[in-house]
C-alpha atoms as a PDB file:
ATOM      1  CA  MET A   1      24.286  39.893  -5.143  1.00  0.00           C
ATOM      2  CA  ASN A   2      23.224  43.417  -4.842  1.00  0.00           C
ATOM      3  CA  VAL A   3      19.643  43.163  -3.913  1.00  0.00           C
ATOM      4  CA  GLU A   4      18.781  46.709  -3.795  1.00  0.00           C
ATOM      5  CA  GLU A   5      19.406  46.588  -7.666  1.00  0.00           C
ATOM      6  CA  MET A   6      16.767  44.146  -8.115  1.00  0.00           C
ATOM      7  CA  SER A   7      13.015  44.843  -9.015  1.00  0.00           C
ATOM      8  CA  ILE A   8      10.834  42.877  -6.912  1.00  0.00           C
ATOM      9  CA  LYS A   9       9.528  40.816  -9.587  1.00  0.00           C
ATOM     10  CA  GLU A  10      13.182  39.835 -10.075  1.00  0.00           C
ATOM     11  CA  ILE A  11      12.966  38.599  -6.513  1.00  0.00           C
ATOM     12  CA  ARG A  12      10.078  37.017  -6.620  1.00  0.00           C
ATOM     13  CA  ASP A  13      11.139  34.928  -9.553  1.00  0.00           C
ATOM     14  CA  TRP A  14      14.628  34.390  -8.459  1.00  0.00           C
ATOM     15  CA  LEU A  15      13.165  33.021  -5.074  1.00  0.00           C
ATOM     16  CA  GLU A  16      10.705  30.738  -7.189  1.00  0.00           C
ATOM     17  CA  LYS A  17      13.868  28.763  -8.594  1.00  0.00           C
ATOM     18  CA  LEU A  18      15.194  28.065  -5.535  1.00  0.00           C
ATOM     19  CA  GLU A  19      14.719  24.533  -3.443  1.00  0.00           C
ATOM     20  CA  GLU A  20      16.046  26.241  -0.130  1.00  0.00           C
ATOM     21  CA  ILE A  21      16.445  29.872   0.939  1.00  0.00           C
ATOM     22  CA  PRO A  22      19.578  30.905   1.829  1.00  0.00           C
ATOM     23  CA  LYS A  23      19.673  32.271   5.300  1.00  0.00           C
ATOM     24  CA  ASP A  24      22.056  35.134   4.155  1.00  0.00           C
ATOM     25  CA  PHE A  25      19.959  35.975   1.409  1.00  0.00           C
ATOM     26  CA  LEU A  26      16.557  36.237   3.263  1.00  0.00           C
ATOM     27  CA  GLN A  27      18.962  38.454   5.801  1.00  0.00           C
ATOM     28  CA  LEU A  28      19.744  40.578   2.995  1.00  0.00           C
ATOM     29  CA  LEU A  29      15.939  40.907   1.690  1.00  0.00           C
ATOM     30  CA  LYS A  30      14.865  41.828   5.666  1.00  0.00           C
ATOM     31  CA  ASN A  31      17.506  44.843   5.464  1.00  0.00           C
ATOM     32  CA  ASP A  32      15.525  46.231   1.941  1.00  0.00           C
ATOM     33  CA  LYS A  33      12.955  48.555   3.414  1.00  0.00           C
ATOM     34  CA  ARG A  34      11.050  48.543   0.268  1.00  0.00           C
ATOM     35  CA  ALA A  35       7.128  47.386   1.194  1.00  0.00           C
ATOM     36  CA  GLY A  36       7.223  44.556  -1.257  1.00  0.00           C
ATOM     37  CA  VAL A  37      10.512  43.116  -0.602  1.00  0.00           C
ATOM     38  CA  GLN A  38       9.336  43.197   3.218  1.00  0.00           C
ATOM     39  CA  GLN A  39       6.034  41.387   2.338  1.00  0.00           C
ATOM     40  CA  ILE A  40       8.048  38.750   0.470  1.00  0.00           C
ATOM     41  CA  VAL A  41      10.089  38.216   3.629  1.00  0.00           C
ATOM     42  CA  ARG A  42       7.013  37.826   5.696  1.00  0.00           C
ATOM     43  CA  LYS A  43       5.780  35.232   3.382  1.00  0.00           C
ATOM     44  CA  GLN A  44       9.168  33.613   3.223  1.00  0.00           C
ATOM     45  CA  GLU A  45       9.350  33.357   7.015  1.00  0.00           C
ATOM     46  CA  ALA A  46       5.716  31.956   7.030  1.00  0.00           C
ATOM     47  CA  ALA A  47       6.653  29.228   4.843  1.00  0.00           C
ATOM     48  CA  LEU A  48       9.816  28.442   6.766  1.00  0.00           C
ATOM     49  CA  ALA A  49       8.006  28.412   9.815  1.00  0.00           C
ATOM     50  CA  ARG A  50       5.308  25.433   8.147  1.00  0.00           C
ATOM     51  CA  GLN A  51       8.182  23.758   7.125  1.00  0.00           C
ATOM     52  CA  GLU A  52       9.693  23.167  10.222  1.00  0.00           C
ATOM     53  CA  LYS A  53       6.404  22.386  11.880  1.00  0.00           C
ATOM     54  CA  LEU A  54       5.864  19.772   9.469  1.00  0.00           C
ATOM     55  CA  ALA A  55       9.642  18.198   9.853  1.00  0.00           C
ATOM     56  CA  GLN A  56       8.812  18.268  13.887  1.00  0.00           C
ATOM     57  CA  GLN A  57       5.435  16.914  13.351  1.00  0.00           C
ATOM     58  CA  TRP A  58       7.414  14.092  10.966  1.00  0.00           C
ATOM     59  CA  ALA A  59       9.961  13.589  13.817  1.00  0.00           C
ATOM     60  CA  ASP A  60       7.601  13.077  16.514  1.00  0.00           C
ATOM     61  CA  MET A  61       5.698  10.342  14.130  1.00  0.00           C
ATOM     62  CA  THR A  62       8.365   8.238  13.191  1.00  0.00           C
ATOM     63  CA  GLN A  63       9.623   7.638  16.921  1.00  0.00           C
ATOM     64  CA  TYR A  64       8.159   4.353  16.667  1.00  0.00           C
ATOM     65  CA  GLU A  65       9.913   3.515  13.436  1.00  0.00           C
ATOM     66  CA  ARG A  66      12.930   4.511  14.157  1.00  0.00           C
ATOM     67  CA  SER A  67      12.939   3.055  17.457  1.00  0.00           C
ATOM     68  CA  LEU A  68      12.254  -0.248  15.609  1.00  0.00           C
ATOM     69  CA  ARG A  69      14.707   0.028  12.838  1.00  0.00           C
ATOM     70  CA  GLU A  70      17.310   0.649  15.665  1.00  0.00           C
ATOM     71  CA  LYS A  71      16.524  -2.556  16.827  1.00  0.00           C
ATOM     72  CA  GLY A  72      16.809  -4.477  13.516  1.00  0.00           C
ATOM     73  CA  ARG A  73      13.157  -4.286  12.157  1.00  0.00           C
ATOM     74  CA  GLN A  74      12.717  -3.662   8.642  1.00  0.00           C
ATOM     75  CA  PHE A  75       9.760  -4.220   7.483  1.00  0.00           C
ATOM     76  CA  ILE A  76       7.495  -2.369   9.710  1.00  0.00           C
ATOM     77  CA  PHE A  77       3.976  -2.233   8.649  1.00  0.00           C
ATOM     78  CA  GLY A  78       1.327   0.569   9.857  1.00  0.00           C
ATOM     79  CA  VAL A  79      -2.208  -0.785  10.127  1.00  0.00           C
ATOM     80  CA  ASP A  80      -5.544   0.612  10.568  1.00  0.00           C
ATOM     81  CA  GLU A  81      -9.184   0.724   9.369  1.00  0.00           C
ATOM     82  CA  VAL A  82     -11.835   2.890   8.171  1.00  0.00           C
ATOM     83  CA  GLY A  83     -15.846   2.276   8.560  1.00  0.00           C
ATOM     84  CA  ARG A  84     -16.757   0.813  12.060  1.00  0.00           C
ATOM     85  CA  GLY A  85     -19.461   3.191  12.798  1.00  0.00           C
ATOM     86  CA  PRO A  86     -21.507   3.775   9.264  1.00  0.00           C
ATOM     87  CA  LEU A  87     -24.804   1.886   9.027  1.00  0.00           C
ATOM     88  CA  ALA A  88     -23.684   0.774   5.386  1.00  0.00           C
ATOM     89  CA  GLY A  89     -20.931  -0.209   3.232  1.00  0.00           C
ATOM     90  CA  PRO A  90     -17.987  -2.475   4.518  1.00  0.00           C
ATOM     91  CA  VAL A  91     -15.111  -2.154   6.921  1.00  0.00           C
ATOM     92  CA  VAL A  92     -12.056  -1.529   4.926  1.00  0.00           C
ATOM     93  CA  ALA A  93      -8.190  -1.968   6.544  1.00  0.00           C
ATOM     94  CA  ALA A  94      -5.000  -1.216   5.142  1.00  0.00           C
ATOM     95  CA  ALA A  95      -1.033  -2.249   5.892  1.00  0.00           C
ATOM     96  CA  VAL A  96       1.120  -0.098   4.811  1.00  0.00           C
ATOM     97  CA  CYS A  97       5.207  -0.614   4.872  1.00  0.00           C
ATOM     98  CA  LEU A  98       7.381   2.342   4.554  1.00  0.00           C
ATOM     99  CA  ALA A  99      10.755   2.881   3.409  1.00  0.00           C
ATOM    100  CA  ALA A 100      13.116   4.392   6.078  1.00  0.00           C
ATOM    101  CA  ASP A 101      13.819   7.398   3.976  1.00  0.00           C
ATOM    102  CA  PHE A 102       9.922   8.143   3.139  1.00  0.00           C
ATOM    103  CA  TYR A 103       9.094  11.672   3.659  1.00  0.00           C
ATOM    104  CA  LEU A 104       5.736  12.859   3.192  1.00  0.00           C
ATOM    105  CA  PRO A 105       5.394  15.794   5.703  1.00  0.00           C
ATOM    106  CA  GLY A 106       1.852  16.717   6.676  1.00  0.00           C
ATOM    107  CA  LEU A 107       1.080  13.069   6.326  1.00  0.00           C
ATOM    108  CA  ASN A 108      -1.573  12.344   9.377  1.00  0.00           C
ATOM    109  CA  ASP A 109      -4.397  10.961  10.533  1.00  0.00           C
ATOM    110  CA  SER A 110      -6.820  10.765   7.663  1.00  0.00           C
ATOM    111  CA  LYS A 111      -9.754  12.646   9.408  1.00  0.00           C
ATOM    112  CA  LYS A 112      -7.349  15.674   9.688  1.00  0.00           C
ATOM    113  CA  VAL A 113      -6.404  15.886   6.146  1.00  0.00           C
ATOM    114  CA  PRO A 114      -8.499  17.402   3.358  1.00  0.00           C
ATOM    115  CA  VAL A 115     -10.193  15.580   0.941  1.00  0.00           C
ATOM    116  CA  ALA A 116      -8.059  16.986  -2.249  1.00  0.00           C
ATOM    117  CA  THR A 117      -4.719  16.182  -0.097  1.00  0.00           C
ATOM    118  CA  ARG A 118      -5.773  13.295   1.025  1.00  0.00           C
ATOM    119  CA  GLU A 119      -6.264  11.761  -2.305  1.00  0.00           C
ATOM    120  CA  ALA A 120      -3.130  13.163  -3.258  1.00  0.00           C
ATOM    121  CA  TYR A 121      -0.969  11.402  -0.606  1.00  0.00           C
ATOM    122  CA  TYR A 122      -3.222   8.422  -1.604  1.00  0.00           C
ATOM    123  CA  GLU A 123      -1.128   8.261  -4.823  1.00  0.00           C
ATOM    124  CA  VAL A 124       1.989   8.913  -3.155  1.00  0.00           C
ATOM    125  CA  ILE A 125       1.609   6.172  -0.945  1.00  0.00           C
ATOM    126  CA  MET A 126       0.578   3.669  -3.447  1.00  0.00           C
ATOM    127  CA  ARG A 127       3.615   4.771  -5.781  1.00  0.00           C
ATOM    128  CA  ASP A 128       6.342   5.007  -3.031  1.00  0.00           C
ATOM    129  CA  ALA A 129       5.347   2.623  -0.023  1.00  0.00           C
ATOM    130  CA  LEU A 130       7.574  -0.769  -0.018  1.00  0.00           C
ATOM    131  CA  ALA A 131       4.113  -2.587   0.396  1.00  0.00           C
ATOM    132  CA  VAL A 132       0.465  -2.135   0.551  1.00  0.00           C
ATOM    133  CA  GLY A 133      -2.361  -4.532   1.303  1.00  0.00           C
ATOM    134  CA  ILE A 134      -5.845  -3.792   1.685  1.00  0.00           C
ATOM    135  CA  GLY A 135      -8.650  -5.647   3.566  1.00  0.00           C
ATOM    136  CA  ILE A 136     -12.111  -5.164   2.709  1.00  0.00           C
ATOM    137  CA  VAL A 137     -14.979  -7.087   5.111  1.00  0.00           C
ATOM    138  CA  ASP A 138     -18.901  -6.277   3.905  1.00  0.00           C
ATOM    139  CA  ALA A 139     -22.248  -5.843   5.581  1.00  0.00           C
ATOM    140  CA  ALA A 140     -23.143  -9.329   5.561  1.00  0.00           C
ATOM    141  CA  ARG A 141     -19.772 -10.672   7.303  1.00  0.00           C
ATOM    142  CA  ILE A 142     -20.033  -7.737   9.702  1.00  0.00           C
ATOM    143  CA  ASP A 143     -23.337  -8.725  10.946  1.00  0.00           C
ATOM    144  CA  ALA A 144     -22.302 -12.332  10.881  1.00  0.00           C
ATOM    145  CA  ILE A 145     -19.628 -11.783  13.299  1.00  0.00           C
ATOM    146  CA  ASN A 146     -19.561  -8.204  15.072  1.00  0.00           C
ATOM    147  CA  ILE A 147     -18.097  -5.283  13.988  1.00  0.00           C
ATOM    148  CA  LEU A 148     -15.130  -5.481  16.130  1.00  0.00           C
ATOM    149  CA  ASN A 149     -14.090  -9.299  14.963  1.00  0.00           C
ATOM    150  CA  ALA A 150     -14.819  -7.935  11.160  1.00  0.00           C
ATOM    151  CA  THR A 151     -12.541  -5.193  11.575  1.00  0.00           C
ATOM    152  CA  LYS A 152      -9.489  -7.751  12.767  1.00  0.00           C
ATOM    153  CA  GLU A 153     -10.686 -10.111  10.242  1.00  0.00           C
ATOM    154  CA  ALA A 154      -9.967  -6.926   7.602  1.00  0.00           C
ATOM    155  CA  MET A 155      -6.678  -6.069   9.392  1.00  0.00           C
ATOM    156  CA  LEU A 156      -5.516  -9.578   8.722  1.00  0.00           C
ATOM    157  CA  LEU A 157      -6.766  -9.553   5.388  1.00  0.00           C
ATOM    158  CA  ALA A 158      -4.706  -6.097   4.834  1.00  0.00           C
ATOM    159  CA  LEU A 159      -1.505  -7.780   5.954  1.00  0.00           C
ATOM    160  CA  HIS A 160      -2.080 -10.831   4.067  1.00  0.00           C
ATOM    161  CA  ASN A 161      -2.539  -8.931   0.829  1.00  0.00           C
ATOM    162  CA  ALA A 162       0.574  -6.832   1.414  1.00  0.00           C
ATOM    163  CA  GLY A 163       2.559  -9.728   0.121  1.00  0.00           C
ATOM    164  CA  THR A 164       5.142  -8.891   2.349  1.00  0.00           C
ATOM    165  CA  ALA A 165       5.828 -10.476   5.671  1.00  0.00           C
ATOM    166  CA  PRO A 166       5.847  -7.903   8.406  1.00  0.00           C
ATOM    167  CA  ASP A 167       8.642  -8.178  11.121  1.00  0.00           C
ATOM    168  CA  VAL A 168       6.346  -5.754  13.406  1.00  0.00           C
ATOM    169  CA  CYS A 169       3.032  -4.261  12.852  1.00  0.00           C
ATOM    170  CA  LEU A 170       1.821  -0.789  14.432  1.00  0.00           C
ATOM    171  CA  ILE A 171      -1.911  -1.424  14.918  1.00  0.00           C
ATOM    172  CA  ASP A 172      -4.358   1.652  15.913  1.00  0.00           C
ATOM    173  CA  ALA A 173      -5.531   0.503  19.210  1.00  0.00           C
ATOM    174  CA  VAL A 174      -6.514  -3.194  18.326  1.00  0.00           C
ATOM    175  CA  GLN A 175      -4.329  -6.599  19.595  1.00  0.00           C
ATOM    176  CA  LEU A 176      -5.059  -9.111  16.446  1.00  0.00           C
ATOM    177  CA  THR A 177      -5.031 -12.787  17.423  1.00  0.00           C
ATOM    178  CA  GLY A 178      -3.171 -15.252  15.033  1.00  0.00           C
ATOM    179  CA  LEU A 179      -0.552 -12.676  14.049  1.00  0.00           C
ATOM    180  CA  ALA A 180       3.086 -14.259  13.579  1.00  0.00           C
ATOM    181  CA  CYS A 181       5.208 -11.058  14.129  1.00  0.00           C
ATOM    182  CA  GLU A 182       5.529  -8.717  16.813  1.00  0.00           C
ATOM    183  CA  GLN A 183       2.660  -6.269  17.057  1.00  0.00           C
ATOM    184  CA  VAL A 184       2.525  -2.897  18.913  1.00  0.00           C
ATOM    185  CA  PRO A 185      -1.168  -1.682  19.540  1.00  0.00           C
ATOM    186  CA  ILE A 186      -1.123   2.471  19.750  1.00  0.00           C
ATOM    187  CA  ILE A 187      -3.973   4.219  20.975  1.00  0.00           C
ATOM    188  CA  GLY A 188      -4.860   7.011  18.911  1.00  0.00           C
ATOM    189  CA  GLY A 189      -1.712   5.522  16.580  1.00  0.00           C
ATOM    190  CA  ASP A 190      -3.121   7.120  13.493  1.00  0.00           C
ATOM    191  CA  GLY A 191      -1.780  10.393  14.454  1.00  0.00           C
ATOM    192  CA  LYS A 192       1.615   9.173  16.800  1.00  0.00           C
ATOM    193  CA  SER A 193       2.985   7.060  13.846  1.00  0.00           C
ATOM    194  CA  VAL A 194       3.592   7.891  10.151  1.00  0.00           C
ATOM    195  CA  SER A 195       3.157   4.185   8.841  1.00  0.00           C
ATOM    196  CA  ILE A 196      -0.418   4.043  10.552  1.00  0.00           C
ATOM    197  CA  ALA A 197      -1.566   7.091   9.154  1.00  0.00           C
ATOM    198  CA  ALA A 198      -0.544   6.035   5.814  1.00  0.00           C
ATOM    199  CA  ALA A 199      -2.635   3.184   6.421  1.00  0.00           C
ATOM    200  CA  SER A 200      -5.523   5.342   7.564  1.00  0.00           C
ATOM    201  CA  ILE A 201      -5.210   7.524   4.208  1.00  0.00           C
ATOM    202  CA  VAL A 202      -4.868   4.094   2.235  1.00  0.00           C
ATOM    203  CA  ALA A 203      -8.041   2.965   3.993  1.00  0.00           C
ATOM    204  CA  LYS A 204     -10.095   5.818   4.139  1.00  0.00           C
ATOM    205  CA  VAL A 205      -9.492   6.727   0.108  1.00  0.00           C
ATOM    206  CA  THR A 206     -10.427   3.257  -0.552  1.00  0.00           C
ATOM    207  CA  ARG A 207     -13.493   2.983   1.324  1.00  0.00           C
ATOM    208  CA  ASP A 208     -14.772   6.606   0.308  1.00  0.00           C
ATOM    209  CA  ARG A 209     -14.707   5.371  -3.185  1.00  0.00           C
ATOM    210  CA  LEU A 210     -15.944   2.329  -2.964  1.00  0.00           C
ATOM    211  CA  MET A 211     -19.033   3.890  -1.045  1.00  0.00           C
ATOM    212  CA  ALA A 212     -19.344   6.504  -4.409  1.00  0.00           C
ATOM    213  CA  ASP A 213     -19.681   3.458  -6.502  1.00  0.00           C
ATOM    214  CA  TYR A 214     -22.472   2.359  -4.105  1.00  0.00           C
ATOM    215  CA  ALA A 215     -23.806   6.047  -4.352  1.00  0.00           C
ATOM    216  CA  ARG A 216     -24.469   5.472  -8.230  1.00  0.00           C
ATOM    217  CA  GLU A 217     -26.015   1.874  -7.387  1.00  0.00           C
ATOM    218  CA  TYR A 218     -28.429   3.376  -4.953  1.00  0.00           C
ATOM    219  CA  PRO A 219     -28.671   6.893  -5.949  1.00  0.00           C
ATOM    220  CA  GLN A 220     -31.694   7.851  -3.296  1.00  0.00           C
ATOM    221  CA  TYR A 221     -29.380   7.046   0.044  1.00  0.00           C
ATOM    222  CA  GLY A 222     -26.596   9.536  -0.801  1.00  0.00           C
ATOM    223  CA  PHE A 223     -23.944   7.418  -0.114  1.00  0.00           C
ATOM    224  CA  GLU A 224     -21.480  10.152  -1.905  1.00  0.00           C
ATOM    225  CA  LYS A 225     -22.279  12.431   0.741  1.00  0.00           C
ATOM    226  CA  HIS A 226     -22.133  10.791   4.160  1.00  0.00           C
ATOM    227  CA  ALA A 227     -20.565   7.554   3.706  1.00  0.00           C
ATOM    228  CA  GLY A 228     -23.064   5.288   5.495  1.00  0.00           C
ATOM    229  CA  TYR A 229     -22.919   7.050   8.458  1.00  0.00           C
ATOM    230  CA  GLY A 230     -26.229   7.848  10.453  1.00  0.00           C
ATOM    231  CA  THR A 231     -26.929  10.962   9.469  1.00  0.00           C
ATOM    232  CA  ALA A 232     -30.575  12.490   9.348  1.00  0.00           C
ATOM    233  CA  GLU A 233     -30.805  12.236   5.673  1.00  0.00           C
ATOM    234  CA  HIS A 234     -29.690   8.454   5.529  1.00  0.00           C
ATOM    235  CA  LEU A 235     -31.932   7.431   8.529  1.00  0.00           C
ATOM    236  CA  ALA A 236     -34.912   9.059   6.365  1.00  0.00           C
ATOM    237  CA  ALA A 237     -33.684   7.274   3.285  1.00  0.00           C
ATOM    238  CA  ILE A 238     -33.927   4.138   5.190  1.00  0.00           C
ATOM    239  CA  ALA A 239     -37.393   5.191   6.611  1.00  0.00           C
ATOM    240  CA  ARG A 240     -38.877   5.813   3.081  1.00  0.00           C
ATOM    241  CA  PHE A 241     -36.895   3.383   0.576  1.00  0.00           C
ATOM    242  CA  GLY A 242     -36.034   0.421   3.322  1.00  0.00           C
ATOM    243  CA  VAL A 243     -32.778  -1.391   3.603  1.00  0.00           C
ATOM    244  CA  THR A 244     -30.274  -2.387   0.833  1.00  0.00           C
ATOM    245  CA  PRO A 245     -27.961  -5.587   0.769  1.00  0.00           C
ATOM    246  CA  ILE A 246     -24.738  -3.313   1.750  1.00  0.00           C
ATOM    247  CA  HIS A 247     -26.909  -2.110   5.060  1.00  0.00           C
ATOM    248  CA  ARG A 248     -25.727  -3.744   8.348  1.00  0.00           C
ATOM    249  CA  LYS A 249     -29.032  -5.297   9.358  1.00  0.00           C
ATOM    250  CA  THR A 250     -27.849  -5.645  13.235  1.00  0.00           C
ATOM    251  CA  PHE A 251     -27.134  -2.062  13.471  1.00  0.00           C
ATOM    252  CA  THR A 252     -29.334   0.319  15.357  1.00  0.00           C
ATOM    253  CA  GLY A 253     -31.386   2.467  12.748  1.00  0.00           C
ATOM    254  CA  VAL A 254     -31.276  -0.504  10.148  1.00  0.00           C
ATOM    255  CA  LYS A 255     -32.661  -3.186  12.204  1.00  0.00           C
ATOM    256  CA  GLU A 256     -35.708  -1.619  12.887  1.00  0.00           C
ATOM    257  CA  GLN A 257     -36.553  -0.990   9.329  1.00  0.00           C
ATOM    258  CA  ALA A 258     -35.098  -4.254   8.183  1.00  0.00           C
END
């Protein structure tokens, strides 16, 4: 292939058809002195660097899973929750079991993933995961048993609702009682395990959608903006309109108005 005889548009069109750019072809482009070709080279090298970074991140975040599979564990669940801190709405947990060949570069703690990407990842996880379970514990139950116990209850519900018995659970920072399988609590697990990160994404998207539904039911509170967290706007709405059935009446900022 004579790159010098190709127009810049022809080079771009040809590259768009490739899943992977051969290194020898990239070297040919580097030897081409045209400014437009050098711009293509810089763009391609930046893309390759991003791919390599994401691949390394994936390798780092699958260390727990690979080690457990080497020990014969098959159904490895990541478990995480969202919503411990808000003044309103439920705490939501998810339990996700991924296949050994599952690959979703960029998967990370839901707080580090942009909203649109988070939504796209959610669809992939729900479609391709071996099993997914979701557990939801509402505000009244949170008030009755406290947020830590409600979080654990949501996690156990999520595992039950997954419909597949786990061999081992990787859990973000929490130790569960009454769990029949091995469990590995990992502090900051949603940034260290793809299974926990996947659970974080599922829990976050599920809860955000629930809070958007509540925003339509209680439009004066702005739940679609702050998801029930104690923002100045939310606190002002509580002071003005009072509490709703989805508010956590034992939480500071709410109990004063209850």
